[in-house]
Each structure stands twice: as C-alpha cells, then as structure tokens.
Amino acid sequence: MDEFKDIQNLEAGFLQVFIAHTSASLCLNENADPTVRQDLERHFNEMVPENMPYYKHDYEGPDDMPAHIKATLLGAQVLIPITRGSLNLGTWQGIYLCEHRDNGGSRRLILSAFGV
C-alpha cells in the first residue's frame, strides 16, 4: 500500500478498511483470476434478485433493496494483519470493493492502521 505509508512503520498490527456506505461492501477473496469476481456477481444477483414483490424499500430503483441485502451479507469492513510493515494477505487474496448498485456513485473508504 504505497498510498498509506504508516503501515511500513509497524512491525505487527492490523489495517482496518471500512466503507461508509450501505449499498456497497468489502470482502477478501481471490484476486488473481477475474472470473472469480464475475462468478461472485452472478451468484449474488441470482441469490438476491431485483423486483421481488415483497420489497418495500425501492425508492431509488429496483436495485435499491437488493444492494442493501448484499452489503449486509458481505459487510462494511475487513481487518488485515500487518507483519513487518506489509499487509499479510494470502498469495491470491485481494480486497474487493463490491458495488451492489447498478449505477453506484463515489464511495468513501476509511483506513485505520494500528499496532507496534
């Protein structure tokens, strides 16, 4: 993380990444093969479809309530260990910012690093 130099000063600690939105989420997953992202999106769209007759919250369109459900399932934060100044991710792991709206706007992330 070249943009967040404070991590380099930590021998051991954690990086918390938090997304300050209710219709997008964060998760860790394989980041080597782009078909993983495609399959995840297809699966979530099947699992949480739009236009369900029991959705009441649809003020911003048919993708509104499904976006909130998907964000709830995945979560708003990830916590990554820091070891000797580097993120200690698995070989293939990456941080996904999952946009659940068809036309999502800008998203704000809050990064907090703590440790020794």
PDB file of N, CA and C in Angstrom:
ATOM      1  N   MET A   1       0.846  -1.188   0.000  1.00  0.00           N
ATOM      2  CA  MET A   1       0.000   0.000   0.000  1.00  0.00           C
ATOM      3  C   MET A   1       0.887   1.246   0.000  1.00  0.00           C
ATOM      4  N   ASP A   2       1.330   1.628  -1.147  1.00  0.00           N
ATOM      5  CA  ASP A   2       2.208   2.783  -1.268  1.00  0.00           C
ATOM      6  C   ASP A   2       1.546   4.067  -0.806  1.00  0.00           C
ATOM      7  N   GLU A   3       0.219   4.144  -0.904  1.00  0.00           N
ATOM      8  CA  GLU A   3      -0.500   5.369  -0.547  1.00  0.00           C
ATOM      9  C   GLU A   3      -0.656   5.541   0.961  1.00  0.00           C
ATOM     10  N   PHE A   4      -0.432   4.487   1.737  1.00  0.00           N
ATOM     11  CA  PHE A   4      -0.644   4.520   3.191  1.00  0.00           C
ATOM     12  C   PHE A   4       0.670   4.127   3.858  1.00  0.00           C
ATOM     13  N   LYS A   5       1.613   5.058   3.880  1.00  0.00           N
ATOM     14  CA  LYS A   5       2.987   4.805   4.305  1.00  0.00           C
ATOM     15  C   LYS A   5       3.108   4.380   5.768  1.00  0.00           C
ATOM     16  N   ASP A   6       2.143   4.741   6.633  1.00  0.00           N
ATOM     17  CA  ASP A   6       2.227   4.417   8.057  1.00  0.00           C
ATOM     18  C   ASP A   6       2.337   2.917   8.308  1.00  0.00           C
ATOM     19  N   ILE A   7       1.815   2.118   7.417  1.00  0.00           N
ATOM     20  CA  ILE A   7       1.884   0.662   7.572  1.00  0.00           C
ATOM     21  C   ILE A   7       3.334   0.199   7.634  1.00  0.00           C
ATOM     22  N   GLN A   8       4.203   0.828   6.874  1.00  0.00           N
ATOM     23  CA  GLN A   8       5.604   0.422   6.807  1.00  0.00           C
ATOM     24  C   GLN A   8       6.310   0.563   8.152  1.00  0.00           C
ATOM     25  N   ASN A   9       5.759   1.386   9.045  1.00  0.00           N
ATOM     26  CA  ASN A   9       6.373   1.605  10.354  1.00  0.00           C
ATOM     27  C   ASN A   9       5.926   0.594  11.401  1.00  0.00           C
ATOM     28  N   LEU A  10       5.037  -0.312  11.059  1.00  0.00           N
ATOM     29  CA  LEU A  10       4.504  -1.262  12.031  1.00  0.00           C
ATOM     30  C   LEU A  10       5.174  -2.625  11.881  1.00  0.00           C
ATOM     31  N   GLU A  11       5.679  -3.134  12.978  1.00  0.00           N
ATOM     32  CA  GLU A  11       6.242  -4.486  12.990  1.00  0.00           C
ATOM     33  C   GLU A  11       5.116  -5.521  12.997  1.00  0.00           C
ATOM     34  N   ALA A  12       4.083  -5.226  13.788  1.00  0.00           N
ATOM     35  CA  ALA A  12       2.918  -6.111  13.867  1.00  0.00           C
ATOM     36  C   ALA A  12       1.698  -5.252  14.151  1.00  0.00           C
ATOM     37  N   GLY A  13       0.597  -5.578  13.508  1.00  0.00           N
ATOM     38  CA  GLY A  13      -0.613  -4.797  13.732  1.00  0.00           C
ATOM     39  C   GLY A  13      -1.713  -5.212  12.789  1.00  0.00           C
ATOM     40  N   PHE A  14      -2.622  -4.273  12.565  1.00  0.00           N
ATOM     41  CA  PHE A  14      -3.775  -4.532  11.703  1.00  0.00           C
ATOM     42  C   PHE A  14      -4.115  -3.294  10.893  1.00  0.00           C
ATOM     43  N   LEU A  15      -4.623  -3.520   9.705  1.00  0.00           N
ATOM     44  CA  LEU A  15      -5.221  -2.469   8.893  1.00  0.00           C
ATOM     45  C   LEU A  15      -6.713  -2.761   8.844  1.00  0.00           C
ATOM     46  N   GLN A  16      -7.501  -1.804   9.278  1.00  0.00           N
ATOM     47  CA  GLN A  16      -8.947  -1.902   9.150  1.00  0.00           C
ATOM     48  C   GLN A  16      -9.360  -1.014   7.983  1.00  0.00           C
ATOM     49  N   VAL A  17     -10.121  -1.583   7.061  1.00  0.00           N
ATOM     50  CA  VAL A  17     -10.676  -0.827   5.942  1.00  0.00           C
ATOM     51  C   VAL A  17     -12.189  -0.862   6.110  1.00  0.00           C
ATOM     52  N   PHE A  18     -12.796   0.319   6.171  1.00  0.00           N
ATOM     53  CA  PHE A  18     -14.226   0.466   6.408  1.00  0.00           C
ATOM     54  C   PHE A  18     -14.832   1.268   5.269  1.00  0.00           C
ATOM     55  N   ILE A  19     -15.973   0.820   4.752  1.00  0.00           N
ATOM     56  CA  ILE A  19     -16.678   1.566   3.717  1.00  0.00           C
ATOM     57  C   ILE A  19     -17.886   2.240   4.352  1.00  0.00           C
ATOM     58  N   ALA A  20     -17.991   3.536   4.164  1.00  0.00           N
ATOM     59  CA  ALA A  20     -19.034   4.328   4.812  1.00  0.00           C
ATOM     60  C   ALA A  20     -20.267   4.444   3.909  1.00  0.00           C
ATOM     61  N   HIS A  21     -20.816   3.293   3.537  1.00  0.00           N
ATOM     62  CA  HIS A  21     -21.990   3.262   2.662  1.00  0.00           C
ATOM     63  C   HIS A  21     -22.828   2.033   2.988  1.00  0.00           C
ATOM     64  N   THR A  22     -24.091   2.048   2.604  1.00  0.00           N
ATOM     65  CA  THR A  22     -24.986   0.942   2.923  1.00  0.00           C
ATOM     66  C   THR A  22     -25.376   0.106   1.707  1.00  0.00           C
ATOM     67  N   SER A  23     -24.881   0.447   0.534  1.00  0.00           N
ATOM     68  CA  SER A  23     -25.214  -0.343  -0.649  1.00  0.00           C
ATOM     69  C   SER A  23     -23.954  -0.789  -1.399  1.00  0.00           C
ATOM     70  N   ALA A  24     -22.839  -0.811  -0.693  1.00  0.00           N
ATOM     71  CA  ALA A  24     -21.587  -1.369  -1.195  1.00  0.00           C
ATOM     72  C   ALA A  24     -20.917  -2.049  -0.004  1.00  0.00           C
ATOM     73  N   SER A  25     -19.984  -2.941  -0.289  1.00  0.00           N
ATOM     74  CA  SER A  25     -19.374  -3.698   0.800  1.00  0.00           C
ATOM     75  C   SER A  25     -17.914  -3.988   0.489  1.00  0.00           C
ATOM     76  N   LEU A  26     -17.258  -4.609   1.457  1.00  0.00           N
ATOM     77  CA  LEU A  26     -15.863  -5.016   1.314  1.00  0.00           C
ATOM     78  C   LEU A  26     -15.740  -6.495   1.648  1.00  0.00           C
ATOM     79  N   CYS A  27     -14.818  -7.162   0.978  1.00  0.00           N
ATOM     80  CA  CYS A  27     -14.507  -8.546   1.340  1.00  0.00           C
ATOM     81  C   CYS A  27     -13.117  -8.895   0.821  1.00  0.00           C
ATOM     82  N   LEU A  28     -12.592 -10.004   1.304  1.00  0.00           N
ATOM     83  CA  LEU A  28     -11.334 -10.560   0.814  1.00  0.00           C
ATOM     84  C   LEU A  28     -11.659 -11.779  -0.036  1.00  0.00           C
ATOM     85  N   ASN A  29     -10.961 -11.899  -1.156  1.00  0.00           N
ATOM     86  CA  ASN A  29     -11.158 -13.083  -1.977  1.00  0.00           C
ATOM     87  C   ASN A  29     -10.014 -13.198  -2.969  1.00  0.00           C
ATOM     88  N   GLU A  30     -10.078 -14.231  -3.802  1.00  0.00           N
ATOM     89  CA  GLU A  30      -9.037 -14.429  -4.799  1.00  0.00           C
ATOM     90  C   GLU A  30      -8.989 -13.244  -5.748  1.00  0.00           C
ATOM     91  N   ASN A  31      -7.779 -12.771  -5.992  1.00  0.00           N
ATOM     92  CA  ASN A  31      -7.611 -11.589  -6.823  1.00  0.00           C
ATOM     93  C   ASN A  31      -6.746 -11.876  -8.050  1.00  0.00           C
ATOM     94  N   ALA A  32      -6.481 -13.145  -8.327  1.00  0.00           N
ATOM     95  CA  ALA A  32      -5.632 -13.486  -9.468  1.00  0.00           C
ATOM     96  C   ALA A  32      -6.439 -13.717 -10.739  1.00  0.00           C
ATOM     97  N   ASP A  33      -7.598 -14.303 -10.595  1.00  0.00           N
ATOM     98  CA  ASP A  33      -8.414 -14.673 -11.747  1.00  0.00           C
ATOM     99  C   ASP A  33      -9.679 -13.820 -11.766  1.00  0.00           C
ATOM    100  N   PRO A  34      -9.867 -12.972 -12.778  1.00  0.00           N
ATOM    101  CA  PRO A  34     -11.043 -12.087 -12.813  1.00  0.00           C
ATOM    102  C   PRO A  34     -12.372 -12.830 -12.907  1.00  0.00           C
ATOM    103  N   THR A  35     -12.359 -14.110 -13.287  1.00  0.00           N
ATOM    104  CA  THR A  35     -13.626 -14.834 -13.352  1.00  0.00           C
ATOM    105  C   THR A  35     -14.218 -15.070 -11.963  1.00  0.00           C
ATOM    106  N   VAL A  36     -13.390 -14.999 -10.924  1.00  0.00           N
ATOM    107  CA  VAL A  36     -13.921 -15.109  -9.555  1.00  0.00           C
ATOM    108  C   VAL A  36     -14.886 -13.957  -9.291  1.00  0.00           C
ATOM    109  N   ARG A  37     -14.484 -12.752  -9.622  1.00  0.00           N
ATOM    110  CA  ARG A  37     -15.367 -11.582  -9.432  1.00  0.00           C
ATOM    111  C   ARG A  37     -16.640 -11.719 -10.260  1.00  0.00           C
ATOM    112  N   GLN A  38     -16.497 -12.167 -11.490  1.00  0.00           N
ATOM    113  CA  GLN A  38     -17.671 -12.347 -12.346  1.00  0.00           C
ATOM    114  C   GLN A  38     -18.628 -13.385 -11.768  1.00  0.00           C
ATOM    115  N   ASP A  39     -18.089 -14.508 -11.302  1.00  0.00           N
ATOM    116  CA  ASP A  39     -18.931 -15.558 -10.729  1.00  0.00           C
ATOM    117  C   ASP A  39     -19.603 -15.094  -9.442  1.00  0.00           C
ATOM    118  N   LEU A  40     -18.878 -14.364  -8.607  1.00  0.00           N
ATOM    119  CA  LEU A  40     -19.479 -13.837  -7.379  1.00  0.00           C
ATOM    120  C   LEU A  40     -20.642 -12.903  -7.695  1.00  0.00           C
ATOM    121  N   GLU A  41     -20.440 -12.009  -8.652  1.00  0.00           N
ATOM    122  CA  GLU A  41     -21.515 -11.088  -9.001  1.00  0.00           C
ATOM    123  C   GLU A  41     -22.725 -11.842  -9.541  1.00  0.00           C
ATOM    124  N   ARG A  42     -22.502 -12.801 -10.418  1.00  0.00           N
ATOM    125  CA  ARG A  42     -23.618 -13.590 -10.948  1.00  0.00           C
ATOM    126  C   ARG A  42     -24.350 -14.335  -9.837  1.00  0.00           C
ATOM    127  N   HIS A  43     -23.588 -14.913  -8.918  1.00  0.00           N
ATOM    128  CA  HIS A  43     -24.209 -15.660  -7.826  1.00  0.00           C
ATOM    129  C   HIS A  43     -25.043 -14.742  -6.929  1.00  0.00           C
ATOM    130  N   PHE A  44     -24.481 -13.602  -6.545  1.00  0.00           N
ATOM    131  CA  PHE A  44     -25.226 -12.672  -5.690  1.00  0.00           C
ATOM    132  C   PHE A  44     -26.473 -12.150  -6.394  1.00  0.00           C
ATOM    133  N   ASN A  45     -26.397 -11.918  -7.694  1.00  0.00           N
ATOM    134  CA  ASN A  45     -27.575 -11.442  -8.426  1.00  0.00           C
ATOM    135  C   ASN A  45     -28.664 -12.508  -8.503  1.00  0.00           C
ATOM    136  N   GLU A  46     -28.275 -13.774  -8.533  1.00  0.00           N
ATOM    137  CA  GLU A  46     -29.264 -14.855  -8.505  1.00  0.00           C
ATOM    138  C   GLU A  46     -29.821 -15.032  -7.092  1.00  0.00           C
ATOM    139  N   MET A  47     -28.935 -14.950  -6.107  1.00  0.00           N
ATOM    140  CA  MET A  47     -29.331 -15.178  -4.716  1.00  0.00           C
ATOM    141  C   MET A  47     -30.210 -14.048  -4.177  1.00  0.00           C
ATOM    142  N   VAL A  48     -29.934 -12.824  -4.618  1.00  0.00           N
ATOM    143  CA  VAL A  48     -30.678 -11.642  -4.158  1.00  0.00           C
ATOM    144  C   VAL A  48     -31.175 -10.890  -5.392  1.00  0.00           C
ATOM    145  N   PRO A  49     -32.279 -11.328  -5.982  1.00  0.00           N
ATOM    146  CA  PRO A  49     -32.760 -10.722  -7.227  1.00  0.00           C
ATOM    147  C   PRO A  49     -33.450  -9.375  -7.005  1.00  0.00           C
ATOM    148  N   GLU A  50     -33.533  -8.632  -8.070  1.00  0.00           N
ATOM    149  CA  GLU A  50     -34.288  -7.369  -8.065  1.00  0.00           C
ATOM    150  C   GLU A  50     -35.774  -7.666  -8.269  1.00  0.00           C
ATOM    151  N   ASN A  51     -36.583  -6.621  -8.021  1.00  0.00           N
ATOM    152  CA  ASN A  51     -38.020  -6.643  -8.317  1.00  0.00           C
ATOM    153  C   ASN A  51     -38.814  -7.710  -7.569  1.00  0.00           C
ATOM    154  N   MET A  52     -38.387  -8.047  -6.370  1.00  0.00           N
ATOM    155  CA  MET A  52     -39.178  -9.008  -5.594  1.00  0.00           C
ATOM    156  C   MET A  52     -40.407  -8.284  -5.046  1.00  0.00           C
ATOM    157  N   PRO A  53     -41.583  -8.883  -5.147  1.00  0.00           N
ATOM    158  CA  PRO A  53     -42.810  -8.189  -4.765  1.00  0.00           C
ATOM    159  C   PRO A  53     -42.892  -7.841  -3.284  1.00  0.00           C
ATOM    160  N   TYR A  54     -42.115  -8.503  -2.449  1.00  0.00           N
ATOM    161  CA  TYR A  54     -42.157  -8.220  -1.011  1.00  0.00           C
ATOM    162  C   TYR A  54     -41.205  -7.100  -0.582  1.00  0.00           C
ATOM    163  N   TYR A  55     -40.356  -6.577  -1.475  1.00  0.00           N
ATOM    164  CA  TYR A  55     -39.507  -5.428  -1.141  1.00  0.00           C
ATOM    165  C   TYR A  55     -40.372  -4.181  -1.031  1.00  0.00           C
ATOM    166  N   LYS A  56     -40.259  -3.483   0.075  1.00  0.00           N
ATOM    167  CA  LYS A  56     -40.942  -2.200   0.265  1.00  0.00           C
ATOM    168  C   LYS A  56     -40.001  -1.031  -0.026  1.00  0.00           C
ATOM    169  N   HIS A  57     -38.719  -1.234   0.267  1.00  0.00           N
ATOM    170  CA  HIS A  57     -37.722  -0.167   0.122  1.00  0.00           C
ATOM    171  C   HIS A  57     -37.187  -0.170  -1.312  1.00  0.00           C
ATOM    172  N   ASP A  58     -37.828   0.623  -2.177  1.00  0.00           N
ATOM    173  CA  ASP A  58     -37.401   0.684  -3.577  1.00  0.00           C
ATOM    174  C   ASP A  58     -37.396   2.118  -4.097  1.00  0.00           C
ATOM    175  N   TYR A  59     -37.178   3.062  -3.183  1.00  0.00           N
ATOM    176  CA  TYR A  59     -37.248   4.492  -3.533  1.00  0.00           C
ATOM    177  C   TYR A  59     -36.259   4.891  -4.623  1.00  0.00           C
ATOM    178  N   GLU A  60     -35.109   4.219  -4.646  1.00  0.00           N
ATOM    179  CA  GLU A  60     -34.064   4.592  -5.601  1.00  0.00           C
ATOM    180  C   GLU A  60     -33.982   3.622  -6.773  1.00  0.00           C
ATOM    181  N   GLY A  61     -34.975   2.764  -6.920  1.00  0.00           N
ATOM    182  CA  GLY A  61     -34.992   1.858  -8.062  1.00  0.00           C
ATOM    183  C   GLY A  61     -35.013   0.403  -7.643  1.00  0.00           C
ATOM    184  N   PRO A  62     -35.144  -0.497  -8.605  1.00  0.00           N
ATOM    185  CA  PRO A  62     -35.269  -1.919  -8.304  1.00  0.00           C
ATOM    186  C   PRO A  62     -34.003  -2.550  -7.717  1.00  0.00           C
ATOM    187  N   ASP A  63     -32.844  -1.891  -7.874  1.00  0.00           N
ATOM    188  CA  ASP A  63     -31.612  -2.432  -7.302  1.00  0.00           C
ATOM    189  C   ASP A  63     -31.353  -1.923  -5.889  1.00  0.00           C
ATOM    190  N   ASP A  64     -32.244  -1.087  -5.358  1.00  0.00           N
ATOM    191  CA  ASP A  64     -32.016  -0.448  -4.059  1.00  0.00           C
ATOM    192  C   ASP A  64     -31.976  -1.454  -2.908  1.00  0.00           C
ATOM    193  N   MET A  65     -33.064  -2.161  -2.670  1.00  0.00           N
ATOM    194  CA  MET A  65     -33.100  -3.111  -1.551  1.00  0.00           C
ATOM    195  C   MET A  65     -32.151  -4.281  -1.757  1.00  0.00           C
ATOM    196  N   PRO A  66     -32.039  -4.856  -2.959  1.00  0.00           N
ATOM    197  CA  PRO A  66     -31.037  -5.909  -3.137  1.00  0.00           C
ATOM    198  C   PRO A  66     -29.618  -5.449  -2.789  1.00  0.00           C
ATOM    199  N   ALA A  67     -29.294  -4.189  -3.084  1.00  0.00           N
ATOM    200  CA  ALA A  67     -27.968  -3.667  -2.748  1.00  0.00           C
ATOM    201  C   ALA A  67     -27.749  -3.655  -1.240  1.00  0.00           C
ATOM    202  N   HIS A  68     -28.765  -3.282  -0.477  1.00  0.00           N
ATOM    203  CA  HIS A  68     -28.642  -3.282   0.984  1.00  0.00           C
ATOM    204  C   HIS A  68     -28.485  -4.706   1.523  1.00  0.00           C
ATOM    205  N   ILE A  69     -29.215  -5.644   0.959  1.00  0.00           N
ATOM    206  CA  ILE A  69     -29.108  -7.039   1.407  1.00  0.00           C
ATOM    207  C   ILE A  69     -27.711  -7.583   1.119  1.00  0.00           C
ATOM    208  N   LYS A  70     -27.200  -7.362  -0.078  1.00  0.00           N
ATOM    209  CA  LYS A  70     -25.865  -7.841  -0.449  1.00  0.00           C
ATOM    210  C   LYS A  70     -24.800  -7.215   0.444  1.00  0.00           C
ATOM    211  N   ALA A  71     -24.940  -5.914   0.739  1.00  0.00           N
ATOM    212  CA  ALA A  71     -23.977  -5.243   1.614  1.00  0.00           C
ATOM    213  C   ALA A  71     -24.030  -5.829   3.020  1.00  0.00           C
ATOM    214  N   THR A  72     -25.217  -6.182   3.483  1.00  0.00           N
ATOM    215  CA  THR A  72     -25.350  -6.792   4.799  1.00  0.00           C
ATOM    216  C   THR A  72     -24.683  -8.166   4.826  1.00  0.00           C
ATOM    217  N   LEU A  73     -24.849  -8.944   3.772  1.00  0.00           N
ATOM    218  CA  LEU A  73     -24.254 -10.282   3.718  1.00  0.00           C
ATOM    219  C   LEU A  73     -22.729 -10.239   3.717  1.00  0.00           C
ATOM    220  N   LEU A  74     -22.140  -9.277   3.019  1.00  0.00           N
ATOM    221  CA  LEU A  74     -20.680  -9.213   2.909  1.00  0.00           C
ATOM    222  C   LEU A  74     -20.027  -8.380   4.004  1.00  0.00           C
ATOM    223  N   GLY A  75     -20.651  -7.296   4.417  1.00  0.00           N
ATOM    224  CA  GLY A  75     -20.099  -6.492   5.490  1.00  0.00           C
ATOM    225  C   GLY A  75     -19.449  -5.207   5.025  1.00  0.00           C
ATOM    226  N   ALA A  76     -19.224  -4.335   5.981  1.00  0.00           N
ATOM    227  CA  ALA A  76     -18.709  -2.997   5.709  1.00  0.00           C
ATOM    228  C   ALA A  76     -17.231  -2.831   6.023  1.00  0.00           C
ATOM    229  N   GLN A  77     -16.573  -3.895   6.493  1.00  0.00           N
ATOM    230  CA  GLN A  77     -15.165  -3.738   6.847  1.00  0.00           C
ATOM    231  C   GLN A  77     -14.396  -5.038   6.686  1.00  0.00           C
ATOM    232  N   VAL A  78     -13.093  -4.884   6.512  1.00  0.00           N
ATOM    233  CA  VAL A  78     -12.169  -6.018   6.542  1.00  0.00           C
ATOM    234  C   VAL A  78     -11.020  -5.634   7.471  1.00  0.00           C
ATOM    235  N   LEU A  79     -10.448  -6.627   8.089  1.00  0.00           N
ATOM    236  CA  LEU A  79      -9.323  -6.445   9.001  1.00  0.00           C
ATOM    237  C   LEU A  79      -8.189  -7.332   8.500  1.00  0.00           C
ATOM    238  N   ILE A  80      -7.048  -6.708   8.204  1.00  0.00           N
ATOM    239  CA  ILE A  80      -5.932  -7.429   7.595  1.00  0.00           C
ATOM    240  C   ILE A  80      -4.714  -7.313   8.502  1.00  0.00           C
ATOM    241  N   PRO A  81      -4.058  -8.420   8.806  1.00  0.00           N
ATOM    242  CA  PRO A  81      -2.862  -8.341   9.638  1.00  0.00           C
ATOM    243  C   PRO A  81      -1.720  -7.636   8.898  1.00  0.00           C
ATOM    244  N   ILE A  82      -0.935  -6.933   9.687  1.00  0.00           N
ATOM    245  CA  ILE A  82       0.288  -6.287   9.191  1.00  0.00           C
ATOM    246  C   ILE A  82       1.453  -7.013   9.853  1.00  0.00           C
ATOM    247  N   THR A  83       2.414  -7.448   9.045  1.00  0.00           N
ATOM    248  CA  THR A  83       3.591  -8.128   9.555  1.00  0.00           C
ATOM    249  C   THR A  83       4.823  -7.511   8.921  1.00  0.00           C
ATOM    250  N   ARG A  84       5.715  -7.021   9.746  1.00  0.00           N
ATOM    251  CA  ARG A  84       6.961  -6.402   9.284  1.00  0.00           C
ATOM    252  C   ARG A  84       6.722  -5.349   8.212  1.00  0.00           C
ATOM    253  N   GLY A  85       5.728  -4.496   8.427  1.00  0.00           N
ATOM    254  CA  GLY A  85       5.486  -3.362   7.553  1.00  0.00           C
ATOM    255  C   GLY A  85       4.711  -3.643   6.280  1.00  0.00           C
ATOM    256  N   SER A  86       4.186  -4.865   6.140  1.00  0.00           N
ATOM    257  CA  SER A  86       3.433  -5.222   4.930  1.00  0.00           C
ATOM    258  C   SER A  86       2.120  -5.890   5.302  1.00  0.00           C
ATOM    259  N   LEU A  87       1.145  -5.755   4.402  1.00  0.00           N
ATOM    260  CA  LEU A  87      -0.109  -6.469   4.598  1.00  0.00           C
ATOM    261  C   LEU A  87       0.166  -7.971   4.464  1.00  0.00           C
ATOM    262  N   ASN A  88      -0.342  -8.733   5.406  1.00  0.00           N
ATOM    263  CA  ASN A  88      -0.085 -10.170   5.430  1.00  0.00           C
ATOM    264  C   ASN A  88      -1.277 -10.915   4.839  1.00  0.00           C
ATOM    265  N   LEU A  89      -1.442 -10.737   3.539  1.00  0.00           N
ATOM    266  CA  LEU A  89      -2.513 -11.404   2.792  1.00  0.00           C
ATOM    267  C   LEU A  89      -2.008 -12.730   2.232  1.00  0.00           C
ATOM    268  N   GLY A  90      -2.944 -13.633   1.954  1.00  0.00           N
ATOM    269  CA  GLY A  90      -2.583 -14.870   1.278  1.00  0.00           C
ATOM    270  C   GLY A  90      -2.107 -14.588  -0.134  1.00  0.00           C
ATOM    271  N   THR A  91      -1.478 -15.567  -0.731  1.00  0.00           N
ATOM    272  CA  THR A  91      -0.869 -15.413  -2.052  1.00  0.00           C
ATOM    273  C   THR A  91      -1.830 -14.824  -3.074  1.00  0.00           C
ATOM    274  N   TRP A  92      -3.067 -15.290  -3.086  1.00  0.00           N
ATOM    275  CA  TRP A  92      -4.009 -14.877  -4.116  1.00  0.00           C
ATOM    276  C   TRP A  92      -5.030 -13.869  -3.621  1.00  0.00           C
ATOM    277  N   GLN A  93      -4.960 -13.493  -2.348  1.00  0.00           N
ATOM    278  CA  GLN A  93      -6.000 -12.640  -1.776  1.00  0.00           C
ATOM    279  C   GLN A  93      -5.864 -11.178  -2.184  1.00  0.00           C
ATOM    280  N   GLY A  94      -7.014 -10.547  -2.327  1.00  0.00           N
ATOM    281  CA  GLY A  94      -7.085  -9.116  -2.559  1.00  0.00           C
ATOM    282  C   GLY A  94      -8.327  -8.579  -1.876  1.00  0.00           C
ATOM    283  N   ILE A  95      -8.361  -7.282  -1.698  1.00  0.00           N
ATOM    284  CA  ILE A  95      -9.518  -6.612  -1.090  1.00  0.00           C
ATOM    285  C   ILE A  95     -10.464  -6.214  -2.210  1.00  0.00           C
ATOM    286  N   TYR A  96     -11.701  -6.641  -2.116  1.00  0.00           N
ATOM    287  CA  TYR A  96     -12.725  -6.271  -3.092  1.00  0.00           C
ATOM    288  C   TYR A  96     -13.592  -5.165  -2.516  1.00  0.00           C
ATOM    289  N   LEU A  97     -13.790  -4.113  -3.282  1.00  0.00           N
ATOM    290  CA  LEU A  97     -14.865  -3.166  -3.016  1.00  0.00           C
ATOM    291  C   LEU A  97     -16.014  -3.616  -3.905  1.00  0.00           C
ATOM    292  N   CYS A  98     -17.069  -4.096  -3.287  1.00  0.00           N
ATOM    293  CA  CYS A  98     -18.202  -4.676  -4.018  1.00  0.00           C
ATOM    294  C   CYS A  98     -19.299  -3.634  -4.164  1.00  0.00           C
ATOM    295  N   GLU A  99     -19.501  -3.184  -5.366  1.00  0.00           N
ATOM    296  CA  GLU A  99     -20.561  -2.215  -5.662  1.00  0.00           C
ATOM    297  C   GLU A  99     -21.832  -2.993  -5.987  1.00  0.00           C
ATOM    298  N   HIS A 100     -22.886  -2.740  -5.224  1.00  0.00           N
ATOM    299  CA  HIS A 100     -24.122  -3.501  -5.398  1.00  0.00           C
ATOM    300  C   HIS A 100     -25.216  -2.721  -6.125  1.00  0.00           C
ATOM    301  N   ARG A 101     -24.972  -1.462  -6.434  1.00  0.00           N
ATOM    302  CA  ARG A 101     -25.951  -0.692  -7.217  1.00  0.00           C
ATOM    303  C   ARG A 101     -25.581  -0.799  -8.682  1.00  0.00           C
ATOM    304  N   ASP A 102     -26.581  -0.723  -9.548  1.00  0.00           N
ATOM    305  CA  ASP A 102     -26.313  -0.758 -10.983  1.00  0.00           C
ATOM    306  C   ASP A 102     -25.490   0.450 -11.427  1.00  0.00           C
ATOM    307  N   ASN A 103     -25.739   1.593 -10.807  1.00  0.00           N
ATOM    308  CA  ASN A 103     -25.009   2.830 -11.121  1.00  0.00           C
ATOM    309  C   ASN A 103     -24.573   3.503  -9.830  1.00  0.00           C
ATOM    310  N   GLY A 104     -23.706   2.836  -9.088  1.00  0.00           N
ATOM    311  CA  GLY A 104     -23.235   3.370  -7.808  1.00  0.00           C
ATOM    312  C   GLY A 104     -22.436   4.646  -7.988  1.00  0.00           C
ATOM    313  N   GLY A 105     -22.490   5.483  -6.988  1.00  0.00           N
ATOM    314  CA  GLY A 105     -21.752   6.745  -7.016  1.00  0.00           C
ATOM    315  C   GLY A 105     -20.361   6.577  -6.432  1.00  0.00           C
ATOM    316  N   SER A 106     -19.773   7.685  -6.031  1.00  0.00           N
ATOM    317  CA  SER A 106     -18.453   7.616  -5.411  1.00  0.00           C
ATOM    318  C   SER A 106     -18.580   6.945  -4.043  1.00  0.00           C
ATOM    319  N   ARG A 107     -17.532   6.308  -3.610  1.00  0.00           N
ATOM    320  CA  ARG A 107     -17.517   5.588  -2.334  1.00  0.00           C
ATOM    321  C   ARG A 107     -16.365   6.096  -1.490  1.00  0.00           C
ATOM    322  N   ARG A 108     -16.604   6.170  -0.182  1.00  0.00           N
ATOM    323  CA  ARG A 108     -15.589   6.676   0.751  1.00  0.00           C
ATOM    324  C   ARG A 108     -15.108   5.538   1.637  1.00  0.00           C
ATOM    325  N   LEU A 109     -13.796   5.334   1.643  1.00  0.00           N
ATOM    326  CA  LEU A 109     -13.175   4.329   2.500  1.00  0.00           C
ATOM    327  C   LEU A 109     -12.436   5.023   3.635  1.00  0.00           C
ATOM    328  N   ILE A 110     -12.497   4.416   4.805  1.00  0.00           N
ATOM    329  CA  ILE A 110     -11.753   4.894   5.967  1.00  0.00           C
ATOM    330  C   ILE A 110     -10.741   3.812   6.323  1.00  0.00           C
ATOM    331  N   LEU A 111      -9.455   4.164   6.310  1.00  0.00           N
ATOM    332  CA  LEU A 111      -8.383   3.225   6.632  1.00  0.00           C
ATOM    333  C   LEU A 111      -7.785   3.584   7.983  1.00  0.00           C
ATOM    334  N   SER A 112      -7.656   2.591   8.851  1.00  0.00           N
ATOM    335  CA  SER A 112      -7.058   2.790  10.168  1.00  0.00           C
ATOM    336  C   SER A 112      -6.016   1.702  10.379  1.00  0.00           C
ATOM    337  N   ALA A 113      -4.784   2.097  10.659  1.00  0.00           N
ATOM    338  CA  ALA A 113      -3.724   1.141  10.955  1.00  0.00           C
ATOM    339  C   ALA A 113      -3.325   1.296  12.415  1.00  0.00           C
ATOM    340  N   PHE A 114      -3.177   0.164  13.088  1.00  0.00           N
ATOM    341  CA  PHE A 114      -2.758   0.216  14.480  1.00  0.00           C
ATOM    342  C   PHE A 114      -1.862  -0.984  14.786  1.00  0.00           C
ATOM    343  N   GLY A 115      -0.947  -0.799  15.685  1.00  0.00           N
ATOM    344  CA  GLY A 115      -0.020  -1.866  16.048  1.00  0.00           C
ATOM    345  C   GLY A 115       1.233  -1.304  16.680  1.00  0.00           C
ATOM    346  N   VAL A 116       2.287  -2.110  16.675  1.00  0.00           N
ATOM    347  CA  VAL A 116       3.564  -1.714  17.284  1.00  0.00           C
ATOM    348  C   VAL A 116       4.682  -1.819  16.257  1.00  0.00           C
TER     349      VAL A 116
END
